[in-house]
């Protein structure tokens, strides 16, 4: 009779133990959402296992087992914050605010290096000079030597509408024109003598390079107009 009673008690105890253990195992197997939040870029681990990498003010949701967990956030500068959370409800939040936390301890000061040699100031380099043009362009400013042929050439340039501008200040000119002329005596077919002019002009840029030269002949006006026409053809191609 005693054995029967003992057997019933054992069965009842086993039933009670199973009734308690089953819900406990179910609770432990339950996955609970854990919301991770951080105000600075950081790496979060849960119970020593990598959890997530968050950007500044980032939010990430992971699943954890039902129960207590240790959550650690490590900022980029090495600061650490730790939180113990209980995943007992439908959702639990672990928020880390490094801005309000004490900053990480400063690093050990580095060895003081010997003072560097003083820097000797270097004078700035002179600005590069623009390359002088190698042909006479339209709109160029010409300084024409003020001799007899030079005056005739200035008038011919205006008459032939050459697209340049004659200036009286040599420093403001793009080109300097050396204009020369020579009077030559000739013997005509009727044995009478005459005089005509043989003229030449050179155009040099600011570097002194001659970029164009031409000549003309006839009387002073005609020789100057020959030079003006050659210059216009050089510039316009016509």
C-alpha atoms as a PDB file:
ATOM      1  CA  UNK A   1       0.000   0.000   0.000  1.00  0.00           C
ATOM      2  CA  UNK A   2       2.864   2.308   0.874  1.00  0.00           C
ATOM      3  CA  UNK A   3       4.545   1.517  -2.439  1.00  0.00           C
ATOM      4  CA  UNK A   4       1.436   2.525  -4.347  1.00  0.00           C
ATOM      5  CA  UNK A   5       1.222   5.852  -2.518  1.00  0.00           C
ATOM      6  CA  UNK A   6       4.890   6.523  -3.181  1.00  0.00           C
ATOM      7  CA  UNK A   7       4.403   5.771  -6.856  1.00  0.00           C
ATOM      8  CA  UNK A   8       1.511   8.195  -7.137  1.00  0.00           C
ATOM      9  CA  UNK A   9       3.538  10.948  -5.458  1.00  0.00           C
ATOM     10  CA  UNK A  10       6.425  10.393  -7.895  1.00  0.00           C
ATOM     11  CA  UNK A  11       4.084  10.567 -10.887  1.00  0.00           C
ATOM     12  CA  UNK A  12       2.523  13.790  -9.595  1.00  0.00           C
ATOM     13  CA  UNK A  13       5.971  15.338  -8.973  1.00  0.00           C
ATOM     14  CA  UNK A  14       7.126  14.401 -12.463  1.00  0.00           C
ATOM     15  CA  UNK A  15       3.996  15.941 -13.970  1.00  0.00           C
ATOM     16  CA  UNK A  16       4.490  19.178 -12.039  1.00  0.00           C
ATOM     17  CA  UNK A  17       8.155  19.360 -13.105  1.00  0.00           C
ATOM     18  CA  UNK A  18       7.213  18.911 -16.746  1.00  0.00           C
ATOM     19  CA  UNK A  19       4.444  21.486 -16.470  1.00  0.00           C
ATOM     20  CA  UNK A  20       6.979  24.056 -15.184  1.00  0.00           C
ATOM     21  CA  UNK A  21       9.858  23.124 -17.515  1.00  0.00           C
ATOM     22  CA  UNK A  22       7.921  23.249 -20.801  1.00  0.00           C
ATOM     23  CA  UNK A  23       6.864  26.920 -20.524  1.00  0.00           C
ATOM     24  CA  UNK A  24      10.391  27.817 -19.352  1.00  0.00           C
ATOM     25  CA  UNK A  25      11.953  26.154 -22.392  1.00  0.00           C
ATOM     26  CA  UNK A  26       9.410  27.837 -24.635  1.00  0.00           C
ATOM     27  CA  UNK A  27      10.291  31.218 -23.120  1.00  0.00           C
ATOM     28  CA  UNK A  28      14.002  30.606 -23.588  1.00  0.00           C
ATOM     29  CA  UNK A  29      13.488  29.598 -27.232  1.00  0.00           C
ATOM     30  CA  UNK A  30      11.434  32.717 -27.959  1.00  0.00           C
ATOM     31  CA  UNK A  31      13.191  35.369 -30.076  1.00  0.00           C
ATOM     32  CA  UNK A  32      12.730  38.976 -28.973  1.00  0.00           C
ATOM     33  CA  UNK A  33      13.504  42.029 -31.187  1.00  0.00           C
ATOM     34  CA  UNK A  34      16.384  44.097 -29.807  1.00  0.00           C
ATOM     35  CA  UNK A  35      16.553  47.641 -31.209  1.00  0.00           C
ATOM     36  CA  UNK A  36      20.087  49.112 -31.210  1.00  0.00           C
ATOM     37  CA  UNK A  37      20.584  52.893 -31.370  1.00  0.00           C
ATOM     38  CA  UNK A  38      23.764  55.005 -31.243  1.00  0.00           C
ATOM     39  CA  UNK A  39      24.459  58.741 -31.629  1.00  0.00           C
ATOM     40  CA  UNK A  40      27.942  58.212 -33.155  1.00  0.00           C
ATOM     41  CA  UNK A  41      29.376  55.590 -35.519  1.00  0.00           C
ATOM     42  CA  UNK A  42      29.965  52.470 -33.412  1.00  0.00           C
ATOM     43  CA  UNK A  43      30.141  48.676 -33.364  1.00  0.00           C
ATOM     44  CA  UNK A  44      27.739  46.799 -31.097  1.00  0.00           C
ATOM     45  CA  UNK A  45      28.189  43.308 -29.674  1.00  0.00           C
ATOM     46  CA  UNK A  46      25.677  41.209 -27.736  1.00  0.00           C
ATOM     47  CA  UNK A  47      26.992  38.765 -25.143  1.00  0.00           C
ATOM     48  CA  UNK A  48      30.426  39.017 -26.778  1.00  0.00           C
ATOM     49  CA  UNK A  49      29.091  38.162 -30.236  1.00  0.00           C
ATOM     50  CA  UNK A  50      29.205  40.766 -33.055  1.00  0.00           C
ATOM     51  CA  UNK A  51      25.804  42.358 -33.349  1.00  0.00           C
ATOM     52  CA  UNK A  52      25.839  45.292 -35.788  1.00  0.00           C
ATOM     53  CA  UNK A  53      27.739  48.319 -37.088  1.00  0.00           C
ATOM     54  CA  UNK A  54      25.811  51.569 -36.799  1.00  0.00           C
ATOM     55  CA  UNK A  55      26.300  54.942 -38.450  1.00  0.00           C
ATOM     56  CA  UNK A  56      25.805  58.152 -36.472  1.00  0.00           C
ATOM     57  CA  UNK A  57      22.224  58.252 -35.160  1.00  0.00           C
ATOM     58  CA  UNK A  58      21.744  54.867 -36.763  1.00  0.00           C
ATOM     59  CA  UNK A  59      19.090  52.315 -35.770  1.00  0.00           C
ATOM     60  CA  UNK A  60      19.203  48.547 -36.335  1.00  0.00           C
ATOM     61  CA  UNK A  61      16.943  45.745 -35.132  1.00  0.00           C
ATOM     62  CA  UNK A  62      18.266  42.258 -34.380  1.00  0.00           C
ATOM     63  CA  UNK A  63      16.743  39.147 -32.801  1.00  0.00           C
ATOM     64  CA  UNK A  64      17.960  37.837 -29.418  1.00  0.00           C
ATOM     65  CA  UNK A  65      16.888  34.983 -27.202  1.00  0.00           C
ATOM     66  CA  UNK A  66      14.443  35.598 -24.374  1.00  0.00           C
ATOM     67  CA  UNK A  67      16.298  36.592 -21.219  1.00  0.00           C
ATOM     68  CA  UNK A  68      19.089  38.908 -20.027  1.00  0.00           C
ATOM     69  CA  UNK A  69      21.864  40.094 -22.322  1.00  0.00           C
ATOM     70  CA  UNK A  70      24.981  42.261 -22.072  1.00  0.00           C
ATOM     71  CA  UNK A  71      25.190  44.799 -24.908  1.00  0.00           C
ATOM     72  CA  UNK A  72      28.489  46.668 -25.541  1.00  0.00           C
ATOM     73  CA  UNK A  73      28.932  49.600 -27.952  1.00  0.00           C
ATOM     74  CA  UNK A  74      32.436  50.696 -29.020  1.00  0.00           C
ATOM     75  CA  UNK A  75      32.859  54.109 -30.721  1.00  0.00           C
ATOM     76  CA  UNK A  76      35.462  54.849 -33.392  1.00  0.00           C
ATOM     77  CA  UNK A  77      37.666  56.660 -30.850  1.00  0.00           C
ATOM     78  CA  UNK A  78      37.750  53.606 -28.548  1.00  0.00           C
ATOM     79  CA  UNK A  79      35.136  54.685 -26.010  1.00  0.00           C
ATOM     80  CA  UNK A  80      32.885  51.900 -24.708  1.00  0.00           C
ATOM     81  CA  UNK A  81      29.402  51.905 -23.239  1.00  0.00           C
ATOM     82  CA  UNK A  82      27.773  48.827 -21.702  1.00  0.00           C
ATOM     83  CA  UNK A  83      24.101  48.082 -21.043  1.00  0.00           C
ATOM     84  CA  UNK A  84      22.378  45.070 -19.485  1.00  0.00           C
ATOM     85  CA  UNK A  85      18.976  44.469 -21.067  1.00  0.00           C
ATOM     86  CA  UNK A  86      16.168  42.066 -20.290  1.00  0.00           C
ATOM     87  CA  UNK A  87      14.490  40.685 -23.367  1.00  0.00           C
ATOM     88  CA  UNK A  88      11.229  39.805 -21.633  1.00  0.00           C
ATOM     89  CA  UNK A  89       8.730  41.777 -23.699  1.00  0.00           C
ATOM     90  CA  UNK A  90       7.797  42.042 -27.334  1.00  0.00           C
ATOM     91  CA  UNK A  91      10.640  44.505 -27.987  1.00  0.00           C
ATOM     92  CA  UNK A  92      13.554  45.957 -26.029  1.00  0.00           C
ATOM     93  CA  UNK A  93      15.697  48.990 -26.855  1.00  0.00           C
ATOM     94  CA  UNK A  94      19.421  49.532 -26.176  1.00  0.00           C
ATOM     95  CA  UNK A  95      20.269  53.177 -26.859  1.00  0.00           C
ATOM     96  CA  UNK A  96      23.839  54.495 -26.501  1.00  0.00           C
ATOM     97  CA  UNK A  97      24.649  58.210 -26.180  1.00  0.00           C
ATOM     98  CA  UNK A  98      28.367  58.842 -26.410  1.00  0.00           C
ATOM     99  CA  UNK A  99      27.876  62.614 -26.542  1.00  0.00           C
ATOM    100  CA  UNK A 100      26.796  62.586 -22.909  1.00  0.00           C
ATOM    101  CA  UNK A 101      29.452  60.057 -21.861  1.00  0.00           C
ATOM    102  CA  UNK A 102      32.873  60.978 -20.491  1.00  0.00           C
ATOM    103  CA  UNK A 103      35.461  61.172 -23.303  1.00  0.00           C
ATOM    104  CA  UNK A 104      38.092  58.492 -23.584  1.00  0.00           C
ATOM    105  CA  UNK A 105      41.323  58.986 -21.676  1.00  0.00           C
ATOM    106  CA  UNK A 106      43.933  60.849 -23.719  1.00  0.00           C
ATOM    107  CA  UNK A 107      46.709  58.835 -25.285  1.00  0.00           C
ATOM    108  CA  UNK A 108      50.156  58.836 -23.771  1.00  0.00           C
ATOM    109  CA  UNK A 109      52.133  61.847 -24.984  1.00  0.00           C
ATOM    110  CA  UNK A 110      54.596  61.011 -27.707  1.00  0.00           C
ATOM    111  CA  UNK A 111      58.277  61.558 -27.246  1.00  0.00           C
ATOM    112  CA  UNK A 112      59.296  65.127 -27.946  1.00  0.00           C
ATOM    113  CA  UNK A 113      61.196  65.267 -31.192  1.00  0.00           C
ATOM    114  CA  UNK A 114      64.114  67.565 -31.765  1.00  0.00           C
ATOM    115  CA  UNK A 115      63.066  70.941 -33.155  1.00  0.00           C
ATOM    116  CA  UNK A 116      63.006  71.041 -36.898  1.00  0.00           C
ATOM    117  CA  UNK A 117      65.408  73.244 -38.774  1.00  0.00           C
ATOM    118  CA  UNK A 118      64.010  76.705 -39.422  1.00  0.00           C
ATOM    119  CA  UNK A 119      62.252  77.079 -42.732  1.00  0.00           C
ATOM    120  CA  UNK A 120      63.935  79.601 -44.961  1.00  0.00           C
ATOM    121  CA  UNK A 121      61.288  81.614 -46.795  1.00  0.00           C
ATOM    122  CA  UNK A 122      61.506  81.314 -50.533  1.00  0.00           C
ATOM    123  CA  UNK A 123      60.701  84.313 -52.641  1.00  0.00           C
ATOM    124  CA  UNK A 124      57.688  83.677 -54.859  1.00  0.00           C
ATOM    125  CA  UNK A 125      58.536  82.961 -58.447  1.00  0.00           C
ATOM    126  CA  UNK A 126      57.909  85.719 -60.900  1.00  0.00           C
ATOM    127  CA  UNK A 127      54.740  85.199 -62.910  1.00  0.00           C
ATOM    128  CA  UNK A 128      55.335  83.578 -66.257  1.00  0.00           C
ATOM    129  CA  UNK A 129      55.435  86.083 -69.064  1.00  0.00           C
ATOM    130  CA  UNK A 130      52.888  85.608 -71.798  1.00  0.00           C
ATOM    131  CA  UNK A 131      54.373  84.288 -75.009  1.00  0.00           C
ATOM    132  CA  UNK A 132      54.693  87.022 -77.608  1.00  0.00           C
ATOM    133  CA  UNK A 133      52.663  86.309 -80.781  1.00  0.00           C
ATOM    134  CA  UNK A 134      54.572  84.995 -83.789  1.00  0.00           C
ATOM    135  CA  UNK A 135      52.361  86.712 -86.370  1.00  0.00           C
ATOM    136  CA  UNK A 136      50.556  90.041 -86.516  1.00  0.00           C
ATOM    137  CA  UNK A 137      46.945  89.415 -85.431  1.00  0.00           C
ATOM    138  CA  UNK A 138      43.877  91.493 -86.131  1.00  0.00           C
ATOM    139  CA  UNK A 139      43.604  94.361 -83.635  1.00  0.00           C
ATOM    140  CA  UNK A 140      47.347  94.476 -82.940  1.00  0.00           C
ATOM    141  CA  UNK A 141      48.830  97.771 -81.711  1.00  0.00           C
ATOM    142  CA  UNK A 142      51.703  98.991 -83.874  1.00  0.00           C
ATOM    143  CA  UNK A 143      54.383 101.545 -83.059  1.00  0.00           C
ATOM    144  CA  UNK A 144      55.685 102.827 -86.402  1.00  0.00           C
ATOM    145  CA  UNK A 145      59.017 104.652 -86.401  1.00  0.00           C
ATOM    146  CA  UNK A 146      58.135 108.337 -87.056  1.00  0.00           C
ATOM    147  CA  UNK A 147      60.281 108.913 -90.125  1.00  0.00           C
ATOM    148  CA  UNK A 148      59.109 110.101 -93.542  1.00  0.00           C
ATOM    149  CA  UNK A 149      58.149 106.641 -94.753  1.00  0.00           C
ATOM    150  CA  UNK A 150      56.678 105.725 -91.358  1.00  0.00           C
ATOM    151  CA  UNK A 151      54.284 108.668 -91.576  1.00  0.00           C
ATOM    152  CA  UNK A 152      53.295 107.641 -95.115  1.00  0.00           C
ATOM    153  CA  UNK A 153      52.776 104.038 -93.921  1.00  0.00           C
ATOM    154  CA  UNK A 154      50.465 105.141 -91.073  1.00  0.00           C
ATOM    155  CA  UNK A 155      48.323 107.011 -93.595  1.00  0.00           C
ATOM    156  CA  UNK A 156      48.274 104.031 -95.980  1.00  0.00           C
ATOM    157  CA  UNK A 157      47.179 101.653 -93.182  1.00  0.00           C
ATOM    158  CA  UNK A 158      44.173 103.883 -92.518  1.00  0.00           C
ATOM    159  CA  UNK A 159      43.374 104.198 -96.206  1.00  0.00           C
ATOM    160  CA  UNK A 160      43.572 100.452 -96.894  1.00  0.00           C
ATOM    161  CA  UNK A 161      41.569  99.684 -93.713  1.00  0.00           C
ATOM    162  CA  UNK A 162      44.165  97.318 -92.305  1.00  0.00           C
ATOM    163  CA  UNK A 163      42.692  95.891 -88.997  1.00  0.00           C
ATOM    164  CA  UNK A 164      45.440  97.216 -86.722  1.00  0.00           C
ATOM    165  CA  UNK A 165      45.867 100.315 -84.573  1.00  0.00           C
ATOM    166  CA  UNK A 166      48.836 102.671 -84.704  1.00  0.00           C
ATOM    167  CA  UNK A 167      49.961 103.961 -81.278  1.00  0.00           C
ATOM    168  CA  UNK A 168      52.403 106.711 -80.379  1.00  0.00           C
ATOM    169  CA  UNK A 169      53.607 105.080 -77.111  1.00  0.00           C
ATOM    170  CA  UNK A 170      56.179 102.375 -77.828  1.00  0.00           C
ATOM    171  CA  UNK A 171      55.626 100.739 -74.411  1.00  0.00           C
ATOM    172  CA  UNK A 172      51.947 100.110 -75.222  1.00  0.00           C
ATOM    173  CA  UNK A 173      52.642  98.527 -78.615  1.00  0.00           C
ATOM    174  CA  UNK A 174      52.412  94.827 -79.434  1.00  0.00           C
ATOM    175  CA  UNK A 175      54.782  95.263 -82.403  1.00  0.00           C
ATOM    176  CA  UNK A 176      57.461  97.766 -83.390  1.00  0.00           C
ATOM    177  CA  UNK A 177      57.595  98.596 -87.106  1.00  0.00           C
ATOM    178  CA  UNK A 178      60.949  99.579 -88.589  1.00  0.00           C
ATOM    179  CA  UNK A 179      60.107 101.440 -91.801  1.00  0.00           C
ATOM    180  CA  UNK A 180      62.891 102.439 -94.184  1.00  0.00           C
ATOM    181  CA  UNK A 181      62.938 103.917 -97.654  1.00  0.00           C
ATOM    182  CA  UNK A 182      65.595 104.661-100.279  1.00  0.00           C
ATOM    183  CA  UNK A 183      65.320 107.055-103.219  1.00  0.00           C
ATOM    184  CA  UNK A 184      66.623 105.427-106.400  1.00  0.00           C
ATOM    185  CA  UNK A 185      67.431 107.308-109.612  1.00  0.00           C
ATOM    186  CA  UNK A 186      66.202 105.690-112.805  1.00  0.00           C
ATOM    187  CA  UNK A 187      66.723 106.306-116.474  1.00  0.00           C
ATOM    188  CA  UNK A 188      63.510 106.313-118.448  1.00  0.00           C
ATOM    189  CA  UNK A 189      63.009 105.024-121.994  1.00  0.00           C
ATOM    190  CA  UNK A 190      63.291 108.534-123.386  1.00  0.00           C
ATOM    191  CA  UNK A 191      66.655 108.934-121.650  1.00  0.00           C
ATOM    192  CA  UNK A 192      65.179 111.282-119.067  1.00  0.00           C
ATOM    193  CA  UNK A 193      66.020 110.601-115.451  1.00  0.00           C
ATOM    194  CA  UNK A 194      63.574 109.958-112.611  1.00  0.00           C
ATOM    195  CA  UNK A 195      63.470 109.004-108.971  1.00  0.00           C
ATOM    196  CA  UNK A 196      61.418 106.273-107.308  1.00  0.00           C
ATOM    197  CA  UNK A 197      61.312 104.940-103.743  1.00  0.00           C
ATOM    198  CA  UNK A 198      62.181 101.444-102.632  1.00  0.00           C
ATOM    199  CA  UNK A 199      60.788 100.852 -99.112  1.00  0.00           C
ATOM    200  CA  UNK A 200      60.789  98.008 -96.586  1.00  0.00           C
ATOM    201  CA  UNK A 201      59.124  97.367 -93.244  1.00  0.00           C
ATOM    202  CA  UNK A 202      59.789  94.788 -90.521  1.00  0.00           C
ATOM    203  CA  UNK A 203      57.379  93.913 -87.709  1.00  0.00           C
ATOM    204  CA  UNK A 204      58.991  92.724 -84.444  1.00  0.00           C
ATOM    205  CA  UNK A 205      57.090  91.465 -81.368  1.00  0.00           C
ATOM    206  CA  UNK A 206      57.904  92.425 -77.759  1.00  0.00           C
ATOM    207  CA  UNK A 207      60.594  89.742 -77.610  1.00  0.00           C
ATOM    208  CA  UNK A 208      62.321  91.381 -80.579  1.00  0.00           C
ATOM    209  CA  UNK A 209      61.490  88.545 -82.964  1.00  0.00           C
ATOM    210  CA  UNK A 210      60.650  89.688 -86.495  1.00  0.00           C
ATOM    211  CA  UNK A 211      57.348  88.008 -87.402  1.00  0.00           C
ATOM    212  CA  UNK A 212      56.658  89.720 -90.733  1.00  0.00           C
ATOM    213  CA  UNK A 213      58.494  91.769 -93.337  1.00  0.00           C
ATOM    214  CA  UNK A 214      57.496  93.224 -96.694  1.00  0.00           C
ATOM    215  CA  UNK A 215      58.523  95.821 -99.233  1.00  0.00           C
ATOM    216  CA  UNK A 216      57.109  98.262-101.765  1.00  0.00           C
ATOM    217  CA  UNK A 217      58.243 100.632-104.442  1.00  0.00           C
ATOM    218  CA  UNK A 218      57.041 103.560-106.474  1.00  0.00           C
ATOM    219  CA  UNK A 219      56.624 107.050-105.162  1.00  0.00           C
ATOM    220  CA  UNK A 220      56.472 107.453-101.341  1.00  0.00           C
ATOM    221  CA  UNK A 221      52.678 107.046-101.223  1.00  0.00           C
ATOM    222  CA  UNK A 222      52.619 104.080-103.590  1.00  0.00           C
ATOM    223  CA  UNK A 223      55.417 102.273-101.728  1.00  0.00           C
ATOM    224  CA  UNK A 224      53.590 102.808 -98.410  1.00  0.00           C
ATOM    225  CA  UNK A 225      50.342 101.459 -99.882  1.00  0.00           C
ATOM    226  CA  UNK A 226      52.199  98.365-101.183  1.00  0.00           C
ATOM    227  CA  UNK A 227      53.386  97.646 -97.623  1.00  0.00           C
ATOM    228  CA  UNK A 228      49.906  98.282 -96.177  1.00  0.00           C
ATOM    229  CA  UNK A 229      48.320  95.842 -98.675  1.00  0.00           C
ATOM    230  CA  UNK A 230      50.915  93.162 -97.862  1.00  0.00           C
ATOM    231  CA  UNK A 231      50.237  93.579 -94.130  1.00  0.00           C
ATOM    232  CA  UNK A 232      46.477  93.294 -94.618  1.00  0.00           C
ATOM    233  CA  UNK A 233      46.922  90.085 -96.623  1.00  0.00           C
ATOM    234  CA  UNK A 234      49.180  88.696 -93.862  1.00  0.00           C
ATOM    235  CA  UNK A 235      46.470  89.355 -91.252  1.00  0.00           C
ATOM    236  CA  UNK A 236      43.257  88.503 -93.119  1.00  0.00           C
ATOM    237  CA  UNK A 237      44.539  86.195 -95.853  1.00  0.00           C
ATOM    238  CA  UNK A 238      42.895  88.416 -98.469  1.00  0.00           C
END
